[in-house]
PDB file of N, CA and C in Angstrom:
ATOM      1  N   MET A   1      99.131 117.193  97.706  1.00  0.00           N
ATOM      2  CA  MET A   1     100.298 116.375  98.317  1.00  0.00           C
ATOM      3  C   MET A   1      99.562 115.105  99.073  1.00  0.00           C
ATOM      4  N   LYS A   2      99.855 114.122  99.356  1.00  0.00           N
ATOM      5  CA  LYS A   2      99.123 113.179  99.368  1.00  0.00           C
ATOM      6  C   LYS A   2      99.459 112.901 101.033  1.00  0.00           C
ATOM      7  N   TYR A   3      98.465 112.796 102.629  1.00  0.00           N
ATOM      8  CA  TYR A   3      98.376 112.190 103.777  1.00  0.00           C
ATOM      9  C   TYR A   3      97.565 111.372 104.264  1.00  0.00           C
ATOM     10  N   PHE A   4      98.553 110.141 104.770  1.00  0.00           N
ATOM     11  CA  PHE A   4      97.862 109.443 105.597  1.00  0.00           C
ATOM     12  C   PHE A   4      97.398 110.115 107.362  1.00  0.00           C
ATOM     13  N   LEU A   5      95.962 110.127 107.854  1.00  0.00           N
ATOM     14  CA  LEU A   5      95.614 110.994 109.014  1.00  0.00           C
ATOM     15  C   LEU A   5      95.789 109.580 109.664  1.00  0.00           C
ATOM     16  N   TYR A   6      96.545 109.651 110.878  1.00  0.00           N
ATOM     17  CA  TYR A   6      96.596 108.942 111.805  1.00  0.00           C
ATOM     18  C   TYR A   6      95.899 109.488 113.472  1.00  0.00           C
ATOM     19  N   VAL A   7      95.147 109.011 114.077  1.00  0.00           N
ATOM     20  CA  VAL A   7      94.749 109.051 115.452  1.00  0.00           C
ATOM     21  C   VAL A   7      94.258 108.141 116.360  1.00  0.00           C
ATOM     22  N   ARG A   8      94.258 108.334 117.488  1.00  0.00           N
ATOM     23  CA  ARG A   8      94.649 107.070 118.545  1.00  0.00           C
ATOM     24  C   ARG A   8      93.964 107.949 119.904  1.00  0.00           C
ATOM     25  N   LYS A   9      92.794 107.419 120.365  1.00  0.00           N
ATOM     26  CA  LYS A   9      92.798 107.591 121.324  1.00  0.00           C
ATOM     27  C   LYS A   9      92.827 106.412 122.653  1.00  0.00           C
ATOM     28  N   SER A  10      93.155 106.196 123.315  1.00  0.00           N
ATOM     29  CA  SER A  10      93.567 105.017 124.497  1.00  0.00           C
ATOM     30  C   SER A  10      92.578 104.743 125.445  1.00  0.00           C
ATOM     31  N   SER A  11      91.905 104.068 125.548  1.00  0.00           N
ATOM     32  CA  SER A  11      90.632 103.248 126.054  1.00  0.00           C
ATOM     33  C   SER A  11      91.140 103.569 127.628  1.00  0.00           C
ATOM     34  N   GLU A  12      92.318 103.576 128.183  1.00  0.00           N
ATOM     35  CA  GLU A  12      92.200 102.823 129.678  1.00  0.00           C
ATOM     36  C   GLU A  12      92.164 104.405 130.514  1.00  0.00           C
ATOM     37  N   ALA A  13      92.260 105.443 130.001  1.00  0.00           N
ATOM     38  CA  ALA A  13      92.482 106.729 130.900  1.00  0.00           C
ATOM     39  C   ALA A  13      91.797 107.656 130.133  1.00  0.00           C
ATOM     40  N   ASP A  14      89.993 107.485 129.743  1.00  0.00           N
ATOM     41  CA  ASP A  14      89.052 108.337 129.390  1.00  0.00           C
ATOM     42  C   ASP A  14      88.914 109.830 130.066  1.00  0.00           C
ATOM     43  N   GLU A  15      89.067 109.421 131.145  1.00  0.00           N
ATOM     44  CA  GLU A  15      89.153 110.719 131.945  1.00  0.00           C
ATOM     45  C   GLU A  15      90.164 111.994 131.352  1.00  0.00           C
ATOM     46  N   LYS A  16      91.162 111.151 131.523  1.00  0.00           N
ATOM     47  CA  LYS A  16      91.959 111.777 130.871  1.00  0.00           C
ATOM     48  C   LYS A  16      92.227 112.673 129.239  1.00  0.00           C
ATOM     49  N   GLN A  17      91.638 112.293 128.349  1.00  0.00           N
ATOM     50  CA  GLN A  17      91.805 112.069 126.802  1.00  0.00           C
ATOM     51  C   GLN A  17      90.965 113.440 127.054  1.00  0.00           C
ATOM     52  N   ILE A  18      92.144 114.176 125.854  1.00  0.00           N
ATOM     53  CA  ILE A  18      91.307 115.531 125.469  1.00  0.00           C
ATOM     54  C   ILE A  18      90.534 115.870 124.429  1.00  0.00           C
ATOM     55  N   GLN A  19      91.176 114.588 123.542  1.00  0.00           N
ATOM     56  CA  GLN A  19      89.764 115.139 122.567  1.00  0.00           C
ATOM     57  C   GLN A  19      89.502 113.754 121.570  1.00  0.00           C
ATOM     58  N   SER A  20      88.170 113.210 121.486  1.00  0.00           N
ATOM     59  CA  SER A  20      88.461 111.986 120.951  1.00  0.00           C
ATOM     60  C   SER A  20      88.621 111.970 119.269  1.00  0.00           C
ATOM     61  N   ILE A  21      88.327 111.097 118.877  1.00  0.00           N
ATOM     62  CA  ILE A  21      89.173 110.843 117.786  1.00  0.00           C
ATOM     63  C   ILE A  21      88.167 111.079 116.166  1.00  0.00           C
ATOM     64  N   ASP A  22      86.981 111.632 116.354  1.00  0.00           N
ATOM     65  CA  ASP A  22      86.244 112.708 115.868  1.00  0.00           C
ATOM     66  C   ASP A  22      86.620 113.693 115.868  1.00  0.00           C
ATOM     67  N   ASP A  23      87.118 114.557 117.236  1.00  0.00           N
ATOM     68  CA  ASP A  23      87.683 115.925 117.428  1.00  0.00           C
ATOM     69  C   ASP A  23      89.220 115.688 116.758  1.00  0.00           C
ATOM     70  N   GLN A  24      89.616 114.698 117.003  1.00  0.00           N
ATOM     71  CA  GLN A  24      90.908 114.491 116.578  1.00  0.00           C
ATOM     72  C   GLN A  24      90.761 114.615 114.568  1.00  0.00           C
ATOM     73  N   ILE A  25      90.011 114.162 113.878  1.00  0.00           N
ATOM     74  CA  ILE A  25      90.160 114.152 112.266  1.00  0.00           C
ATOM     75  C   ILE A  25      89.807 116.200 112.278  1.00  0.00           C
ATOM     76  N   ASN A  26      88.692 115.995 112.831  1.00  0.00           N
ATOM     77  CA  ASN A  26      88.306 117.432 112.669  1.00  0.00           C
ATOM     78  C   ASN A  26      89.303 118.709 112.775  1.00  0.00           C
ATOM     79  N   TYR A  27      90.070 117.888 113.827  1.00  0.00           N
ATOM     80  CA  TYR A  27      91.422 119.031 114.381  1.00  0.00           C
ATOM     81  C   TYR A  27      92.028 119.740 112.913  1.00  0.00           C
ATOM     82  N   TRP A  28      92.438 118.216 112.436  1.00  0.00           N
ATOM     83  CA  TRP A  28      93.055 118.208 110.941  1.00  0.00           C
ATOM     84  C   TRP A  28      92.784 118.438 109.990  1.00  0.00           C
ATOM     85  N   LYS A  29      91.349 117.779 109.741  1.00  0.00           N
ATOM     86  CA  LYS A  29      90.988 118.375 108.540  1.00  0.00           C
ATOM     87  C   LYS A  29      90.436 119.670 108.166  1.00  0.00           C
ATOM     88  N   GLU A  30      90.246 120.880 109.414  1.00  0.00           N
ATOM     89  CA  GLU A  30      90.062 122.136 108.955  1.00  0.00           C
ATOM     90  C   GLU A  30      91.530 122.682 108.702  1.00  0.00           C
ATOM     91  N   ARG A  31      92.915 122.088 109.155  1.00  0.00           N
ATOM     92  CA  ARG A  31      93.868 122.433 108.870  1.00  0.00           C
ATOM     93  C   ARG A  31      94.395 122.352 107.427  1.00  0.00           C
ATOM     94  N   MET A  32      94.259 121.377 107.268  1.00  0.00           N
ATOM     95  CA  MET A  32      94.372 121.224 104.952  1.00  0.00           C
ATOM     96  C   MET A  32      94.110 122.103 104.800  1.00  0.00           C
ATOM     97  N   THR A  33      94.739 122.328 103.300  1.00  0.00           N
ATOM     98  CA  THR A  33      95.190 123.225 102.911  1.00  0.00           C
ATOM     99  C   THR A  33      94.811 122.451 101.141  1.00  0.00           C
ATOM    100  N   PRO A  34      93.656 123.602 100.313  1.00  0.00           N
ATOM    101  CA  PRO A  34      93.694 123.362  98.635  1.00  0.00           C
ATOM    102  C   PRO A  34      94.668 121.886  97.779  1.00  0.00           C
ATOM    103  N   ASP A  35      95.998 121.962  98.435  1.00  0.00           N
ATOM    104  CA  ASP A  35      96.864 121.572  98.042  1.00  0.00           C
ATOM    105  C   ASP A  35      96.977 119.418  98.886  1.00  0.00           C
ATOM    106  N   MET A  36      96.407 120.187  99.525  1.00  0.00           N
ATOM    107  CA  MET A  36      96.755 118.802 100.583  1.00  0.00           C
ATOM    108  C   MET A  36      96.029 118.171 100.416  1.00  0.00           C
ATOM    109  N   GLU A  37      95.868 116.346 100.569  1.00  0.00           N
ATOM    110  CA  GLU A  37      94.342 115.430 100.747  1.00  0.00           C
ATOM    111  C   GLU A  37      94.808 114.510 101.406  1.00  0.00           C
ATOM    112  N   ILE A  38      93.706 113.927 102.108  1.00  0.00           N
ATOM    113  CA  ILE A  38      93.727 112.809 103.067  1.00  0.00           C
ATOM    114  C   ILE A  38      93.344 111.925 102.069  1.00  0.00           C
ATOM    115  N   ILE A  39      94.741 110.690 102.182  1.00  0.00           N
ATOM    116  CA  ILE A  39      94.612 109.473 101.747  1.00  0.00           C
ATOM    117  C   ILE A  39      93.548 108.664 102.271  1.00  0.00           C
ATOM    118  N   ASN A  40      93.554 108.340 103.697  1.00  0.00           N
ATOM    119  CA  ASN A  40      93.389 107.125 104.580  1.00  0.00           C
ATOM    120  C   ASN A  40      93.367 107.793 105.689  1.00  0.00           C
ATOM    121  N   VAL A  41      92.147 107.699 106.435  1.00  0.00           N
ATOM    122  CA  VAL A  41      92.094 108.166 108.109  1.00  0.00           C
ATOM    123  C   VAL A  41      92.506 107.071 108.782  1.00  0.00           C
ATOM    124  N   PHE A  42      93.841 106.432 109.742  1.00  0.00           N
ATOM    125  CA  PHE A  42      93.697 105.334 110.620  1.00  0.00           C
ATOM    126  C   PHE A  42      93.604 105.673 112.263  1.00  0.00           C
ATOM    127  N   SER A  43      92.424 104.923 112.452  1.00  0.00           N
ATOM    128  CA  SER A  43      92.738 105.086 113.922  1.00  0.00           C
ATOM    129  C   SER A  43      92.532 104.004 115.029  1.00  0.00           C
ATOM    130  N   GLU A  44      92.941 104.597 116.172  1.00  0.00           N
ATOM    131  CA  GLU A  44      92.941 103.045 117.202  1.00  0.00           C
ATOM    132  C   GLU A  44      92.146 103.623 118.440  1.00  0.00           C
ATOM    133  N   GLU A  45      91.429 102.488 119.288  1.00  0.00           N
ATOM    134  CA  GLU A  45      91.151 103.357 120.003  1.00  0.00           C
ATOM    135  C   GLU A  45      91.015 102.076 121.964  1.00  0.00           C
ATOM    136  N   HIS A  46      92.558 102.010 122.080  1.00  0.00           N
ATOM    137  CA  HIS A  46      93.173 101.079 122.679  1.00  0.00           C
ATOM    138  C   HIS A  46      94.317 101.993 123.572  1.00  0.00           C
ATOM    139  N   SER A  47      94.972 101.392 124.570  1.00  0.00           N
ATOM    140  CA  SER A  47      96.351 101.215 125.127  1.00  0.00           C
ATOM    141  C   SER A  47      96.991 101.013 124.673  1.00  0.00           C
ATOM    142  N   ALA A  48      97.986 101.536 124.421  1.00  0.00           N
ATOM    143  CA  ALA A  48      99.504 101.027 123.357  1.00  0.00           C
ATOM    144  C   ALA A  48     100.537 101.386 124.605  1.00  0.00           C
ATOM    145  N   LYS A  49     100.489 100.924 126.287  1.00  0.00           N
ATOM    146  CA  LYS A  49     101.434 100.354 126.873  1.00  0.00           C
ATOM    147  C   LYS A  49     102.362  99.518 126.457  1.00  0.00           C
ATOM    148  N   GLU A  50     101.899  98.312 126.202  1.00  0.00           N
ATOM    149  CA  GLU A  50     102.651  97.200 125.911  1.00  0.00           C
ATOM    150  C   GLU A  50     102.925  97.306 124.468  1.00  0.00           C
ATOM    151  N   PRO A  51     104.139  96.668 124.130  1.00  0.00           N
ATOM    152  CA  PRO A  51     104.892  96.906 122.765  1.00  0.00           C
ATOM    153  C   PRO A  51     104.021  95.983 121.963  1.00  0.00           C
ATOM    154  N   GLY A  52     103.695  96.002 121.142  1.00  0.00           N
ATOM    155  CA  GLY A  52     102.984  95.633 119.826  1.00  0.00           C
ATOM    156  C   GLY A  52     101.532  95.827 120.017  1.00  0.00           C
ATOM    157  N   LYS A  53     101.227  96.795 120.716  1.00  0.00           N
ATOM    158  CA  LYS A  53      99.756  97.104 120.539  1.00  0.00           C
ATOM    159  C   LYS A  53      99.388  97.573 119.580  1.00  0.00           C
ATOM    160  N   ARG A  54      99.864  98.550 119.205  1.00  0.00           N
ATOM    161  CA  ARG A  54      99.757  99.941 117.763  1.00  0.00           C
ATOM    162  C   ARG A  54      99.582  98.983 116.669  1.00  0.00           C
ATOM    163  N   THR A  55      98.188  97.933 116.116  1.00  0.00           N
ATOM    164  CA  THR A  55      98.525  97.052 115.053  1.00  0.00           C
ATOM    165  C   THR A  55      97.846  98.089 113.587  1.00  0.00           C
ATOM    166  N   ILE A  56      97.382  99.436 113.772  1.00  0.00           N
ATOM    167  CA  ILE A  56      96.462 100.048 112.982  1.00  0.00           C
ATOM    168  C   ILE A  56      97.887 100.736 112.813  1.00  0.00           C
ATOM    169  N   PHE A  57      98.498 101.326 113.579  1.00  0.00           N
ATOM    170  CA  PHE A  57      99.679 102.107 113.347  1.00  0.00           C
ATOM    171  C   PHE A  57     100.798 101.541 112.441  1.00  0.00           C
ATOM    172  N   ASN A  58     101.031 100.232 112.462  1.00  0.00           N
ATOM    173  CA  ASN A  58     102.185  99.643 112.161  1.00  0.00           C
ATOM    174  C   ASN A  58     101.445  99.151 110.758  1.00  0.00           C
ATOM    175  N   ALA A  59     100.270  99.008 110.622  1.00  0.00           N
ATOM    176  CA  ALA A  59      99.826  98.796 109.063  1.00  0.00           C
ATOM    177  C   ALA A  59      99.700 100.331 108.343  1.00  0.00           C
ATOM    178  N   MET A  60      99.736 101.520 108.763  1.00  0.00           N
ATOM    179  CA  MET A  60     100.442 102.488 108.145  1.00  0.00           C
ATOM    180  C   MET A  60     101.535 102.601 107.695  1.00  0.00           C
ATOM    181  N   MET A  61     102.196 101.888 108.685  1.00  0.00           N
ATOM    182  CA  MET A  61     103.744 102.038 108.564  1.00  0.00           C
ATOM    183  C   MET A  61     104.430 101.275 107.170  1.00  0.00           C
ATOM    184  N   ASP A  62     103.919 100.353 107.591  1.00  0.00           N
ATOM    185  CA  ASP A  62     103.757  99.293 106.050  1.00  0.00           C
ATOM    186  C   ASP A  62     103.267  99.761 104.643  1.00  0.00           C
ATOM    187  N   ARG A  63     102.578 100.239 104.444  1.00  0.00           N
ATOM    188  CA  ARG A  63     101.734 101.428 103.440  1.00  0.00           C
ATOM    189  C   ARG A  63     102.716 102.704 103.467  1.00  0.00           C
ATOM    190  N   ILE A  64     103.028 102.602 103.615  1.00  0.00           N
ATOM    191  CA  ILE A  64     104.582 104.084 103.711  1.00  0.00           C
ATOM    192  C   ILE A  64     105.403 103.425 103.587  1.00  0.00           C
ATOM    193  N   ASP A  65     105.830 102.362 103.542  1.00  0.00           N
ATOM    194  CA  ASP A  65     107.465 101.574 102.860  1.00  0.00           C
ATOM    195  C   ASP A  65     106.966 100.920 102.135  1.00  0.00           C
ATOM    196  N   LYS A  66     105.899 101.043 101.374  1.00  0.00           N
ATOM    197  CA  LYS A  66     105.296 100.321 100.080  1.00  0.00           C
ATOM    198  C   LYS A  66     105.292 101.378  99.388  1.00  0.00           C
TER     199      LYS A  66
END
């Protein structure tokens, strides 16, 4: 099965962040089974408090829709 991986870290409150982008990617890659394939990793590093700020997420959703 093929998957997209989306990871995000807010740039607003670094002291509140538990995992870095790389830590999140590694976390999910370690949990993959042989029948799973990550075909693309999407990542963002900024606040998304305001609507429309998750441009990478929106691009990923557009690809899923296609």
